């Protein structure tokens, strides 16, 4: 099964939401479609960034990429209910490197 990673910048919290609700929401929503292998919060350029690694069911290459992008967008939509978001990126593991899809 191909491995993907999504990175989402978080620029703030919506009122009434605790900080942990951001990651909880991301993992829960992405987990409805894929197995989430790992997740962490990183600081990139002084901005918090969610990083989630997940598996996509094997099919044809472009279809796998499409599923990963679609799932990442769905996760961002859910996270936007509890936080303000910035840039979203989706990467695919290929020959030991993470490459944008």
PDB file of N, CA and C in Angstrom:
ATOM      1  N   UNK A   1       0.844  -1.177   0.000  1.00  0.00           N
ATOM      2  CA  UNK A   1       0.000   0.000   0.000  1.00  0.00           C
ATOM      3  C   UNK A   1       0.885   1.235   0.000  1.00  0.00           C
ATOM      4  N   UNK A   2       0.599   2.174  -0.876  1.00  0.00           N
ATOM      5  CA  UNK A   2       1.399   3.400  -0.952  1.00  0.00           C
ATOM      6  C   UNK A   2       1.245   4.266   0.302  1.00  0.00           C
ATOM      7  N   UNK A   3       2.341   4.894   0.692  1.00  0.00           N
ATOM      8  CA  UNK A   3       2.362   5.763   1.868  1.00  0.00           C
ATOM      9  C   UNK A   3       2.351   7.227   1.431  1.00  0.00           C
ATOM     10  N   UNK A   4       1.500   7.998   2.083  1.00  0.00           N
ATOM     11  CA  UNK A   4       1.375   9.427   1.802  1.00  0.00           C
ATOM     12  C   UNK A   4       1.534  10.202   3.093  1.00  0.00           C
ATOM     13  N   UNK A   5       1.813  11.484   2.946  1.00  0.00           N
ATOM     14  CA  UNK A   5       1.909  12.387   4.084  1.00  0.00           C
ATOM     15  C   UNK A   5       1.196  13.679   3.712  1.00  0.00           C
ATOM     16  N   UNK A   6       0.441  14.195   4.660  1.00  0.00           N
ATOM     17  CA  UNK A   6      -0.165  15.494   4.450  1.00  0.00           C
ATOM     18  C   UNK A   6       0.338  16.438   5.529  1.00  0.00           C
ATOM     19  N   UNK A   7       0.603  17.660   5.134  1.00  0.00           N
ATOM     20  CA  UNK A   7       1.068  18.695   6.066  1.00  0.00           C
ATOM     21  C   UNK A   7       0.123  19.881   5.962  1.00  0.00           C
ATOM     22  N   UNK A   8      -0.340  20.338   7.115  1.00  0.00           N
ATOM     23  CA  UNK A   8      -1.300  21.437   7.157  1.00  0.00           C
ATOM     24  C   UNK A   8      -0.855  22.457   8.188  1.00  0.00           C
ATOM     25  N   UNK A   9      -0.646  23.691   7.738  1.00  0.00           N
ATOM     26  CA  UNK A   9      -0.262  24.767   8.646  1.00  0.00           C
ATOM     27  C   UNK A   9      -1.486  25.218   9.439  1.00  0.00           C
ATOM     28  N   UNK A  10      -1.276  25.498  10.715  1.00  0.00           N
ATOM     29  CA  UNK A  10      -2.328  25.967  11.612  1.00  0.00           C
ATOM     30  C   UNK A  10      -1.958  27.381  12.055  1.00  0.00           C
ATOM     31  N   UNK A  11      -2.818  28.334  11.744  1.00  0.00           N
ATOM     32  CA  UNK A  11      -2.498  29.730  12.055  1.00  0.00           C
ATOM     33  C   UNK A  11      -3.246  30.260  13.274  1.00  0.00           C
ATOM     34  N   UNK A  12      -4.162  29.482  13.830  1.00  0.00           N
ATOM     35  CA  UNK A  12      -4.879  29.911  15.026  1.00  0.00           C
ATOM     36  C   UNK A  12      -6.005  28.959  15.370  1.00  0.00           C
ATOM     37  N   UNK A  13      -6.548  29.138  16.562  1.00  0.00           N
ATOM     38  CA  UNK A  13      -7.684  28.331  17.015  1.00  0.00           C
ATOM     39  C   UNK A  13      -8.968  29.126  16.889  1.00  0.00           C
ATOM     40  N   UNK A  14     -10.053  28.449  16.593  1.00  0.00           N
ATOM     41  CA  UNK A  14     -11.362  29.089  16.634  1.00  0.00           C
ATOM     42  C   UNK A  14     -11.801  29.126  18.094  1.00  0.00           C
ATOM     43  N   UNK A  15     -12.529  30.177  18.499  1.00  0.00           N
ATOM     44  CA  UNK A  15     -12.940  30.316  19.897  1.00  0.00           C
ATOM     45  C   UNK A  15     -13.664  29.074  20.421  1.00  0.00           C
ATOM     46  N   UNK A  16     -13.321  28.719  21.659  1.00  0.00           N
ATOM     47  CA  UNK A  16     -13.985  27.609  22.321  1.00  0.00           C
ATOM     48  C   UNK A  16     -13.406  26.245  22.029  1.00  0.00           C
ATOM     49  N   UNK A  17     -12.332  26.172  21.262  1.00  0.00           N
ATOM     50  CA  UNK A  17     -11.730  24.880  20.916  1.00  0.00           C
ATOM     51  C   UNK A  17     -10.359  24.750  21.581  1.00  0.00           C
ATOM     52  N   UNK A  18     -10.140  23.656  22.300  1.00  0.00           N
ATOM     53  CA  UNK A  18      -8.820  23.443  22.909  1.00  0.00           C
ATOM     54  C   UNK A  18      -7.798  23.050  21.845  1.00  0.00           C
ATOM     55  N   UNK A  19      -6.529  23.306  22.082  1.00  0.00           N
ATOM     56  CA  UNK A  19      -5.493  23.004  21.093  1.00  0.00           C
ATOM     57  C   UNK A  19      -5.497  21.541  20.636  1.00  0.00           C
ATOM     58  N   UNK A  20      -5.741  20.607  21.557  1.00  0.00           N
ATOM     59  CA  UNK A  20      -5.693  19.190  21.180  1.00  0.00           C
ATOM     60  C   UNK A  20      -6.809  18.797  20.216  1.00  0.00           C
ATOM     61  N   UNK A  21      -7.865  19.605  20.117  1.00  0.00           N
ATOM     62  CA  UNK A  21      -8.965  19.279  19.201  1.00  0.00           C
ATOM     63  C   UNK A  21      -8.534  19.347  17.742  1.00  0.00           C
ATOM     64  N   UNK A  22      -7.482  20.096  17.449  1.00  0.00           N
ATOM     65  CA  UNK A  22      -7.007  20.227  16.073  1.00  0.00           C
ATOM     66  C   UNK A  22      -6.467  18.879  15.569  1.00  0.00           C
ATOM     67  N   UNK A  23      -5.525  18.301  16.290  1.00  0.00           N
ATOM     68  CA  UNK A  23      -4.961  17.021  15.886  1.00  0.00           C
ATOM     69  C   UNK A  23      -5.999  15.909  15.992  1.00  0.00           C
ATOM     70  N   UNK A  24      -6.796  15.934  17.057  1.00  0.00           N
ATOM     71  CA  UNK A  24      -7.826  14.903  17.216  1.00  0.00           C
ATOM     72  C   UNK A  24      -8.767  14.880  16.015  1.00  0.00           C
ATOM     73  N   UNK A  25      -9.176  16.053  15.559  1.00  0.00           N
ATOM     74  CA  UNK A  25     -10.075  16.158  14.408  1.00  0.00           C
ATOM     75  C   UNK A  25      -9.400  15.637  13.142  1.00  0.00           C
ATOM     76  N   UNK A  26      -8.149  16.040  12.933  1.00  0.00           N
ATOM     77  CA  UNK A  26      -7.425  15.615  11.731  1.00  0.00           C
ATOM     78  C   UNK A  26      -7.285  14.097  11.674  1.00  0.00           C
ATOM     79  N   UNK A  27      -6.877  13.492  12.762  1.00  0.00           N
ATOM     80  CA  UNK A  27      -6.675  12.040  12.802  1.00  0.00           C
ATOM     81  C   UNK A  27      -7.999  11.309  12.634  1.00  0.00           C
ATOM     82  N   UNK A  28      -9.029  11.790  13.320  1.00  0.00           N
ATOM     83  CA  UNK A  28     -10.333  11.137  13.239  1.00  0.00           C
ATOM     84  C   UNK A  28     -10.883  11.150  11.815  1.00  0.00           C
ATOM     85  N   UNK A  29     -10.836  12.293  11.160  1.00  0.00           N
ATOM     86  CA  UNK A  29     -11.415  12.410   9.817  1.00  0.00           C
ATOM     87  C   UNK A  29     -10.590  11.635   8.793  1.00  0.00           C
ATOM     88  N   UNK A  30      -9.288  11.774   8.827  1.00  0.00           N
ATOM     89  CA  UNK A  30      -8.451  11.033   7.881  1.00  0.00           C
ATOM     90  C   UNK A  30      -8.576   9.526   8.121  1.00  0.00           C
ATOM     91  N   UNK A  31      -8.752   9.152   9.379  1.00  0.00           N
ATOM     92  CA  UNK A  31      -8.894   7.751   9.738  1.00  0.00           C
ATOM     93  C   UNK A  31     -10.187   7.107   9.258  1.00  0.00           C
ATOM     94  N   UNK A  32     -11.157   7.901   8.865  1.00  0.00           N
ATOM     95  CA  UNK A  32     -12.397   7.327   8.333  1.00  0.00           C
ATOM     96  C   UNK A  32     -12.182   6.740   6.945  1.00  0.00           C
ATOM     97  N   UNK A  33     -11.117   7.156   6.256  1.00  0.00           N
ATOM     98  CA  UNK A  33     -10.861   6.687   4.889  1.00  0.00           C
ATOM     99  C   UNK A  33      -9.586   5.867   4.741  1.00  0.00           C
ATOM    100  N   UNK A  34      -8.619   6.104   5.639  1.00  0.00           N
ATOM    101  CA  UNK A  34      -7.306   5.476   5.493  1.00  0.00           C
ATOM    102  C   UNK A  34      -6.740   5.108   6.851  1.00  0.00           C
ATOM    103  N   UNK A  35      -5.770   4.190   6.819  1.00  0.00           N
ATOM    104  CA  UNK A  35      -5.041   3.864   8.044  1.00  0.00           C
ATOM    105  C   UNK A  35      -4.013   4.976   8.280  1.00  0.00           C
ATOM    106  N   UNK A  36      -4.117   5.648   9.427  1.00  0.00           N
ATOM    107  CA  UNK A  36      -3.166   6.702   9.788  1.00  0.00           C
ATOM    108  C   UNK A  36      -2.012   6.037  10.529  1.00  0.00           C
ATOM    109  N   UNK A  37      -0.833   6.083   9.904  1.00  0.00           N
ATOM    110  CA  UNK A  37       0.352   5.426  10.474  1.00  0.00           C
ATOM    111  C   UNK A  37       0.984   6.240  11.591  1.00  0.00           C
ATOM    112  N   UNK A  38       1.015   7.544  11.432  1.00  0.00           N
ATOM    113  CA  UNK A  38       1.676   8.411  12.410  1.00  0.00           C
ATOM    114  C   UNK A  38       1.149   9.828  12.260  1.00  0.00           C
ATOM    115  N   UNK A  39       1.274  10.579  13.336  1.00  0.00           N
ATOM    116  CA  UNK A  39       0.889  11.994  13.293  1.00  0.00           C
ATOM    117  C   UNK A  39       1.722  12.764  14.305  1.00  0.00           C
ATOM    118  N   UNK A  40       2.030  14.001  13.955  1.00  0.00           N
ATOM    119  CA  UNK A  40       2.791  14.845  14.873  1.00  0.00           C
ATOM    120  C   UNK A  40       2.558  16.310  14.554  1.00  0.00           C
ATOM    121  N   UNK A  41       2.856  17.112  15.542  1.00  0.00           N
ATOM    122  CA  UNK A  41       2.804  18.560  15.386  1.00  0.00           C
ATOM    123  C   UNK A  41       4.241  19.046  15.293  1.00  0.00           C
ATOM    124  N   UNK A  42       4.539  19.810  14.259  1.00  0.00           N
ATOM    125  CA  UNK A  42       5.877  20.357  14.054  1.00  0.00           C
ATOM    126  C   UNK A  42       5.759  21.881  13.996  1.00  0.00           C
ATOM    127  N   UNK A  43       6.873  22.536  14.170  1.00  0.00           N
ATOM    128  CA  UNK A  43       6.934  23.985  13.974  1.00  0.00           C
ATOM    129  C   UNK A  43       7.797  24.222  12.747  1.00  0.00           C
ATOM    130  N   UNK A  44       7.218  24.828  11.721  1.00  0.00           N
ATOM    131  CA  UNK A  44       7.935  25.115  10.476  1.00  0.00           C
ATOM    132  C   UNK A  44       7.922  26.618  10.250  1.00  0.00           C
ATOM    133  N   UNK A  45       9.065  27.240  10.330  1.00  0.00           N
ATOM    134  CA  UNK A  45       9.148  28.688  10.151  1.00  0.00           C
ATOM    135  C   UNK A  45       8.357  29.444  11.201  1.00  0.00           C
ATOM    136  N   UNK A  46       8.295  28.894  12.410  1.00  0.00           N
ATOM    137  CA  UNK A  46       7.572  29.537  13.500  1.00  0.00           C
ATOM    138  C   UNK A  46       6.070  29.297  13.478  1.00  0.00           C
ATOM    139  N   UNK A  47       5.574  28.492  12.527  1.00  0.00           N
ATOM    140  CA  UNK A  47       4.142  28.232  12.394  1.00  0.00           C
ATOM    141  C   UNK A  47       3.875  26.754  12.695  1.00  0.00           C
ATOM    142  N   UNK A  48       2.902  26.464  13.566  1.00  0.00           N
ATOM    143  CA  UNK A  48       2.561  25.056  13.814  1.00  0.00           C
ATOM    144  C   UNK A  48       2.070  24.387  12.537  1.00  0.00           C
ATOM    145  N   UNK A  49       2.433  23.118  12.396  1.00  0.00           N
ATOM    146  CA  UNK A  49       2.054  22.365  11.211  1.00  0.00           C
ATOM    147  C   UNK A  49       1.724  20.928  11.626  1.00  0.00           C
ATOM    148  N   UNK A  50       0.536  20.468  11.234  1.00  0.00           N
ATOM    149  CA  UNK A  50       0.170  19.074  11.443  1.00  0.00           C
ATOM    150  C   UNK A  50       0.832  18.252  10.357  1.00  0.00           C
ATOM    151  N   UNK A  51       1.328  17.091  10.734  1.00  0.00           N
ATOM    152  CA  UNK A  51       1.910  16.167   9.771  1.00  0.00           C
ATOM    153  C   UNK A  51       1.311  14.796  10.052  1.00  0.00           C
ATOM    154  N   UNK A  52       0.599  14.241   9.066  1.00  0.00           N
ATOM    155  CA  UNK A  52      -0.037  12.937   9.208  1.00  0.00           C
ATOM    156  C   UNK A  52       0.422  12.031   8.077  1.00  0.00           C
ATOM    157  N   UNK A  53       0.858  10.826   8.437  1.00  0.00           N
ATOM    158  CA  UNK A  53       1.266   9.842   7.445  1.00  0.00           C
ATOM    159  C   UNK A  53       0.184   8.773   7.378  1.00  0.00           C
ATOM    160  N   UNK A  54      -0.224   8.415   6.161  1.00  0.00           N
ATOM    161  CA  UNK A  54      -1.331   7.476   5.996  1.00  0.00           C
ATOM    162  C   UNK A  54      -1.130   6.601   4.768  1.00  0.00           C
ATOM    163  N   UNK A  55      -1.854   5.485   4.745  1.00  0.00           N
ATOM    164  CA  UNK A  55      -1.779   4.532   3.642  1.00  0.00           C
ATOM    165  C   UNK A  55      -3.027   4.637   2.778  1.00  0.00           C
ATOM    166  N   UNK A  56      -2.837   4.496   1.473  1.00  0.00           N
ATOM    167  CA  UNK A  56      -3.946   4.488   0.515  1.00  0.00           C
ATOM    168  C   UNK A  56      -4.003   3.096  -0.101  1.00  0.00           C
ATOM    169  N   UNK A  57      -5.207   2.578  -0.245  1.00  0.00           N
ATOM    170  CA  UNK A  57      -5.391   1.260  -0.859  1.00  0.00           C
ATOM    171  C   UNK A  57      -4.765   1.270  -2.257  1.00  0.00           C
ATOM    172  N   UNK A  58      -3.981   0.245  -2.544  1.00  0.00           N
ATOM    173  CA  UNK A  58      -3.285   0.171  -3.833  1.00  0.00           C
ATOM    174  C   UNK A  58      -4.281   0.043  -4.988  1.00  0.00           C
ATOM    175  N   UNK A  59      -4.054   0.832  -6.016  1.00  0.00           N
ATOM    176  CA  UNK A  59      -4.828   0.766  -7.263  1.00  0.00           C
ATOM    177  C   UNK A  59      -3.875   1.218  -8.359  1.00  0.00           C
ATOM    178  N   UNK A  60      -4.321   2.143  -9.214  1.00  0.00           N
ATOM    179  CA  UNK A  60      -3.387   2.682 -10.205  1.00  0.00           C
ATOM    180  C   UNK A  60      -2.821   4.006  -9.681  1.00  0.00           C
ATOM    181  N   UNK A  61      -1.619   4.339 -10.112  1.00  0.00           N
ATOM    182  CA  UNK A  61      -0.828   5.436  -9.550  1.00  0.00           C
ATOM    183  C   UNK A  61      -1.604   6.747  -9.438  1.00  0.00           C
ATOM    184  N   UNK A  62      -2.202   7.204 -10.524  1.00  0.00           N
ATOM    185  CA  UNK A  62      -2.895   8.506 -10.479  1.00  0.00           C
ATOM    186  C   UNK A  62      -4.140   8.434  -9.599  1.00  0.00           C
ATOM    187  N   UNK A  63      -4.786   7.274  -9.553  1.00  0.00           N
ATOM    188  CA  UNK A  63      -5.948   7.110  -8.686  1.00  0.00           C
ATOM    189  C   UNK A  63      -5.568   7.180  -7.215  1.00  0.00           C
ATOM    190  N   UNK A  64      -4.436   6.604  -6.873  1.00  0.00           N
ATOM    191  CA  UNK A  64      -3.937   6.665  -5.494  1.00  0.00           C
ATOM    192  C   UNK A  64      -3.642   8.108  -5.106  1.00  0.00           C
ATOM    193  N   UNK A  65      -2.986   8.840  -6.013  1.00  0.00           N
ATOM    194  CA  UNK A  65      -2.690  10.250  -5.747  1.00  0.00           C
ATOM    195  C   UNK A  65      -3.968  11.056  -5.583  1.00  0.00           C
ATOM    196  N   UNK A  66      -4.948  10.786  -6.419  1.00  0.00           N
ATOM    197  CA  UNK A  66      -6.230  11.495  -6.340  1.00  0.00           C
ATOM    198  C   UNK A  66      -6.904  11.231  -4.989  1.00  0.00           C
ATOM    199  N   UNK A  67      -6.914   9.980  -4.563  1.00  0.00           N
ATOM    200  CA  UNK A  67      -7.507   9.646  -3.265  1.00  0.00           C
ATOM    201  C   UNK A  67      -6.803  10.386  -2.132  1.00  0.00           C
ATOM    202  N   UNK A  68      -5.482  10.435  -2.186  1.00  0.00           N
ATOM    203  CA  UNK A  68      -4.709  11.102  -1.139  1.00  0.00           C
ATOM    204  C   UNK A  68      -5.013  12.595  -1.094  1.00  0.00           C
ATOM    205  N   UNK A  69      -5.059  13.241  -2.265  1.00  0.00           N
ATOM    206  CA  UNK A  69      -5.369  14.688  -2.304  1.00  0.00           C
ATOM    207  C   UNK A  69      -6.787  14.956  -1.811  1.00  0.00           C
ATOM    208  N   UNK A  70      -7.724  14.123  -2.245  1.00  0.00           N
ATOM    209  CA  UNK A  70      -9.124  14.282  -1.845  1.00  0.00           C
ATOM    210  C   UNK A  70      -9.281  14.103  -0.330  1.00  0.00           C
ATOM    211  N   UNK A  71      -8.620  13.110   0.232  1.00  0.00           N
ATOM    212  CA  UNK A  71      -8.697  12.855   1.666  1.00  0.00           C
ATOM    213  C   UNK A  71      -8.056  13.984   2.471  1.00  0.00           C
ATOM    214  N   UNK A  72      -6.934  14.503   1.982  1.00  0.00           N
ATOM    215  CA  UNK A  72      -6.272  15.617   2.665  1.00  0.00           C
ATOM    216  C   UNK A  72      -7.171  16.858   2.661  1.00  0.00           C
ATOM    217  N   UNK A  73      -7.841  17.118   1.554  1.00  0.00           N
ATOM    218  CA  UNK A  73      -8.763  18.266   1.478  1.00  0.00           C
ATOM    219  C   UNK A  73      -9.933  18.076   2.435  1.00  0.00           C
ATOM    220  N   UNK A  74     -10.441  16.855   2.535  1.00  0.00           N
ATOM    221  CA  UNK A  74     -11.535  16.558   3.457  1.00  0.00           C
ATOM    222  C   UNK A  74     -11.077  16.776   4.903  1.00  0.00           C
ATOM    223  N   UNK A  75      -9.855  16.363   5.211  1.00  0.00           N
ATOM    224  CA  UNK A  75      -9.304  16.564   6.550  1.00  0.00           C
ATOM    225  C   UNK A  75      -9.170  18.051   6.849  1.00  0.00           C
ATOM    226  N   UNK A  76      -8.672  18.827   5.879  1.00  0.00           N
ATOM    227  CA  UNK A  76      -8.537  20.267   6.098  1.00  0.00           C
ATOM    228  C   UNK A  76      -9.892  20.914   6.332  1.00  0.00           C
ATOM    229  N   UNK A  77     -10.915  20.539   5.579  1.00  0.00           N
ATOM    230  CA  UNK A  77     -12.254  21.088   5.771  1.00  0.00           C
ATOM    231  C   UNK A  77     -12.742  20.848   7.197  1.00  0.00           C
ATOM    232  N   UNK A  78     -12.488  19.663   7.725  1.00  0.00           N
ATOM    233  CA  UNK A  78     -12.909  19.351   9.092  1.00  0.00           C
ATOM    234  C   UNK A  78     -12.111  20.155  10.119  1.00  0.00           C
ATOM    235  N   UNK A  79     -10.800  20.257   9.917  1.00  0.00           N
ATOM    236  CA  UNK A  79      -9.948  21.007  10.847  1.00  0.00           C
ATOM    237  C   UNK A  79     -10.340  22.480  10.854  1.00  0.00           C
ATOM    238  N   UNK A  80     -10.785  23.007   9.719  1.00  0.00           N
ATOM    239  CA  UNK A  80     -11.178  24.415   9.657  1.00  0.00           C
ATOM    240  C   UNK A  80     -12.386  24.731  10.543  1.00  0.00           C
ATOM    241  N   UNK A  81     -13.082  23.710  11.028  1.00  0.00           N
ATOM    242  CA  UNK A  81     -14.186  23.938  11.963  1.00  0.00           C
ATOM    243  C   UNK A  81     -13.673  24.293  13.360  1.00  0.00           C
ATOM    244  N   UNK A  82     -12.420  23.904  13.671  1.00  0.00           N
ATOM    245  CA  UNK A  82     -11.859  24.157  14.997  1.00  0.00           C
ATOM    246  C   UNK A  82     -10.637  25.070  14.978  1.00  0.00           C
ATOM    247  N   UNK A  83     -10.053  25.283  13.802  1.00  0.00           N
ATOM    248  CA  UNK A  83      -8.833  26.088  13.709  1.00  0.00           C
ATOM    249  C   UNK A  83      -8.775  26.849  12.392  1.00  0.00           C
ATOM    250  N   UNK A  84      -7.928  27.866  12.373  1.00  0.00           N
ATOM    251  CA  UNK A  84      -7.637  28.590  11.137  1.00  0.00           C
ATOM    252  C   UNK A  84      -6.449  27.889  10.491  1.00  0.00           C
ATOM    253  N   UNK A  85      -6.554  27.628   9.195  1.00  0.00           N
ATOM    254  CA  UNK A  85      -5.503  26.865   8.527  1.00  0.00           C
ATOM    255  C   UNK A  85      -4.802  27.683   7.452  1.00  0.00           C
ATOM    256  N   UNK A  86      -3.635  27.201   7.093  1.00  0.00           N
ATOM    257  CA  UNK A  86      -2.851  27.798   6.019  1.00  0.00           C
ATOM    258  C   UNK A  86      -2.618  26.771   4.931  1.00  0.00           C
ATOM    259  N   UNK A  87      -1.399  26.736   4.435  1.00  0.00           N
ATOM    260  CA  UNK A  87      -1.048  25.860   3.309  1.00  0.00           C
ATOM    261  C   UNK A  87      -1.218  24.380   3.643  1.00  0.00           C
ATOM    262  N   UNK A  88      -1.705  23.644   2.650  1.00  0.00           N
ATOM    263  CA  UNK A  88      -1.852  22.194   2.726  1.00  0.00           C
ATOM    264  C   UNK A  88      -0.972  21.578   1.649  1.00  0.00           C
ATOM    265  N   UNK A  89      -0.214  20.555   2.014  1.00  0.00           N
ATOM    266  CA  UNK A  89       0.569  19.839   1.005  1.00  0.00           C
ATOM    267  C   UNK A  89       0.342  18.341   1.176  1.00  0.00           C
ATOM    268  N   UNK A  90       0.457  17.624   0.066  1.00  0.00           N
ATOM    269  CA  UNK A  90       0.316  16.171   0.063  1.00  0.00           C
ATOM    270  C   UNK A  90       1.561  15.609  -0.615  1.00  0.00           C
ATOM    271  N   UNK A  91       2.191  14.653   0.046  1.00  0.00           N
ATOM    272  CA  UNK A  91       3.428  14.052  -0.442  1.00  0.00           C
ATOM    273  C   UNK A  91       3.267  12.539  -0.519  1.00  0.00           C
ATOM    274  N   UNK A  92       3.994  11.940  -1.447  1.00  0.00           N
ATOM    275  CA  UNK A  92       3.981  10.480  -1.620  1.00  0.00           C
ATOM    276  C   UNK A  92       5.392   9.952  -1.396  1.00  0.00           C
ATOM    277  N   UNK A  93       5.481   8.836  -0.702  1.00  0.00           N
ATOM    278  CA  UNK A  93       6.784   8.199  -0.477  1.00  0.00           C
ATOM    279  C   UNK A  93       7.183   7.467  -1.751  1.00  0.00           C
ATOM    280  N   UNK A  94       8.329   7.844  -2.314  1.00  0.00           N
ATOM    281  CA  UNK A  94       8.807   7.246  -3.551  1.00  0.00           C
ATOM    282  C   UNK A  94      10.315   7.092  -3.481  1.00  0.00           C
ATOM    283  N   UNK A  95      10.773   5.861  -3.515  1.00  0.00           N
ATOM    284  CA  UNK A  95      12.221   5.560  -3.476  1.00  0.00           C
ATOM    285  C   UNK A  95      12.914   6.214  -2.279  1.00  0.00           C
ATOM    286  N   UNK A  96      12.258   6.147  -1.130  1.00  0.00           N
ATOM    287  CA  UNK A  96      12.858   6.657   0.094  1.00  0.00           C
ATOM    288  C   UNK A  96      12.749   8.147   0.298  1.00  0.00           C
ATOM    289  N   UNK A  97      12.035   8.856  -0.577  1.00  0.00           N
ATOM    290  CA  UNK A  97      11.895  10.312  -0.453  1.00  0.00           C
ATOM    291  C   UNK A  97      10.421  10.680  -0.479  1.00  0.00           C
ATOM    292  N   UNK A  98      10.090  11.819   0.124  1.00  0.00           N
ATOM    293  CA  UNK A  98       8.725  12.353   0.051  1.00  0.00           C
ATOM    294  C   UNK A  98       8.667  13.333  -1.118  1.00  0.00           C
ATOM    295  N   UNK A  99       7.811  13.049  -2.084  1.00  0.00           N
ATOM    296  CA  UNK A  99       7.677  13.906  -3.271  1.00  0.00           C
ATOM    297  C   UNK A  99       6.243  14.448  -3.363  1.00  0.00           C
ATOM    298  N   UNK A 100       6.070  15.708  -3.750  1.00  0.00           N
ATOM    299  CA  UNK A 100       4.736  16.289  -3.863  1.00  0.00           C
ATOM    300  C   UNK A 100       3.890  15.557  -4.914  1.00  0.00           C
ATOM    301  N   UNK A 101       2.578  15.468  -4.636  1.00  0.00           N
ATOM    302  CA  UNK A 101       1.658  14.871  -5.608  1.00  0.00           C
ATOM    303  C   UNK A 101       0.744  15.948  -6.162  1.00  0.00           C
TER     304      UNK A 101
END
